[in-house]
C-alpha cells in the first residue's frame, strides 16, 4: 500500500497549507502533493491561527490537542504537523472522508 502521508518518528506527519481570515474553519482540498489545504477563521496574529489550527485538527481527526504538534512552519502558511501515535494511513482515511463529505 502506498503511504499518502509520511511516517514520522512517533506518528503521522502531514503537510498543511493554511488560509487565515476565512469565513469558517474547513478542509478545502487535498492538493496534488498531498498537502491539505485548510481555511481558518482566525487571523495570523500572535499565533491565533496556529492555536485555531490545532483545535480544528484535533476535533476533525478525533485526537487530543496534545497529540498534535507543529513541527515546522509556525510563522508561515505551509506547516508540517505531527500526529503523535497515529498511523499515516489512518489519518489519511479520516481526512479523505472529511473532504468527500463536502
Protein backbone atom coordinates (compact mmCIF):
# COMPACT_ATOMS: atom_id res chain seq x y z
CA UNK A 1 0.00 0.00 0.00
CA UNK A 2 1.33 3.44 -0.92
CA UNK A 3 1.52 5.86 2.01
CA UNK A 4 -0.34 9.11 1.46
CA UNK A 5 1.30 10.90 4.39
CA UNK A 6 4.75 10.46 5.86
CA UNK A 7 5.51 8.29 8.83
CA UNK A 8 7.39 10.28 11.44
CA UNK A 9 9.36 9.01 14.41
CA UNK A 10 6.28 8.97 16.63
CA UNK A 11 3.31 9.04 14.27
CA UNK A 12 1.97 10.60 11.08
CA UNK A 13 3.46 13.73 9.57
CA UNK A 14 1.11 15.80 7.42
CA UNK A 15 1.68 18.98 5.45
CA UNK A 16 -0.86 21.77 5.72
CA UNK A 17 -1.37 24.98 3.74
CA UNK A 18 -3.38 27.47 5.80
CA UNK A 19 -5.52 30.33 4.56
CA UNK A 20 -6.33 32.55 7.55
CA UNK A 21 -9.21 35.02 7.96
CA UNK A 22 -11.75 32.80 6.19
CA UNK A 23 -15.47 32.78 6.94
CA UNK A 24 -15.20 29.42 8.71
CA UNK A 25 -12.79 26.62 9.53
CA UNK A 26 -12.79 23.90 6.88
CA UNK A 27 -10.68 21.46 4.93
CA UNK A 28 -10.81 22.71 1.36
CA UNK A 29 -8.88 20.07 -0.57
CA UNK A 30 -6.00 17.68 -0.73
CA UNK A 31 -3.53 19.08 -3.25
CA UNK A 32 -1.57 17.00 -5.79
CA UNK A 33 1.45 16.82 -3.46
CA UNK A 34 -0.82 15.56 -0.59
CA UNK A 35 -0.74 18.93 1.17
CA UNK A 36 -4.03 19.54 2.97
CA UNK A 37 -5.47 22.97 2.22
CA UNK A 38 -7.33 24.37 5.24
CA UNK A 39 -9.20 27.64 5.71
CA UNK A 40 -9.24 29.12 9.22
CA UNK A 41 -11.36 31.92 10.61
CA UNK A 42 -8.58 33.11 12.92
CA UNK A 43 -6.13 35.83 11.85
CA UNK A 44 -2.40 35.09 11.60
CA UNK A 45 -1.63 37.35 14.55
CA UNK A 46 0.15 36.35 17.77
CA UNK A 47 -0.19 32.63 16.99
CA UNK A 48 -4.00 32.72 16.88
CA UNK A 49 -4.16 30.86 13.56
CA UNK A 50 -1.83 28.14 14.90
CA UNK A 51 -3.97 27.71 18.01
CA UNK A 52 -7.11 27.53 15.88
CA UNK A 53 -5.45 25.03 13.51
CA UNK A 54 -4.56 22.68 16.37
CA UNK A 55 -8.10 22.92 17.81
CA UNK A 56 -9.66 22.33 14.38
CA UNK A 57 -7.40 19.38 13.53
CA UNK A 58 -7.94 17.78 16.95
CA UNK A 59 -11.70 17.95 16.50
CA UNK A 60 -11.58 16.84 12.86
CA UNK A 61 -9.24 13.91 13.47
CA UNK A 62 -10.75 12.91 16.81
CA UNK A 63 -7.44 13.25 18.67
CA UNK A 64 -6.31 15.24 21.69
CA UNK A 65 -4.71 18.64 21.10
CA UNK A 66 -1.63 17.35 22.91
CA UNK A 67 -1.23 14.67 20.22
CA UNK A 68 -0.68 17.36 17.58
CA UNK A 69 2.50 19.36 17.15
CA UNK A 70 3.54 21.99 14.62
CA UNK A 71 6.98 20.71 13.70
CA UNK A 72 7.79 23.33 11.04
CA UNK A 73 6.22 26.48 9.63
CA UNK A 74 4.92 28.15 12.77
CA UNK A 75 5.15 31.59 11.15
CA UNK A 76 4.27 30.63 7.57
CA UNK A 77 1.26 29.37 5.65
CA UNK A 78 2.85 25.98 4.97
CA UNK A 79 3.18 23.80 8.06
CA UNK A 80 4.34 20.32 8.96
CA UNK A 81 2.14 18.76 11.62
CA UNK A 82 2.98 15.64 13.61
CA UNK A 83 0.05 13.50 14.74
CA UNK A 84 1.71 11.64 17.59
CA UNK A 85 0.89 7.97 17.97
CA UNK A 86 -1.21 7.59 14.81
CA UNK A 87 -0.63 5.66 11.61
CA UNK A 88 -0.41 7.80 8.44
CA UNK A 89 -2.95 5.59 6.65
CA UNK A 90 -5.45 6.09 9.48
CA UNK A 91 -5.06 9.88 9.33
CA UNK A 92 -5.32 9.87 5.52
CA UNK A 93 -8.57 7.89 5.69
CA UNK A 94 -10.13 10.34 8.18
CA UNK A 95 -9.15 13.39 6.10
CA UNK A 96 -10.40 11.83 2.85
CA UNK A 97 -13.78 11.19 4.50
CA UNK A 98 -13.99 14.85 5.54
CA UNK A 99 -13.10 16.10 2.05
CA UNK A 100 -15.54 13.72 0.34
CA UNK A 101 -18.44 14.83 2.59
CA UNK A 102 -18.19 18.37 1.24
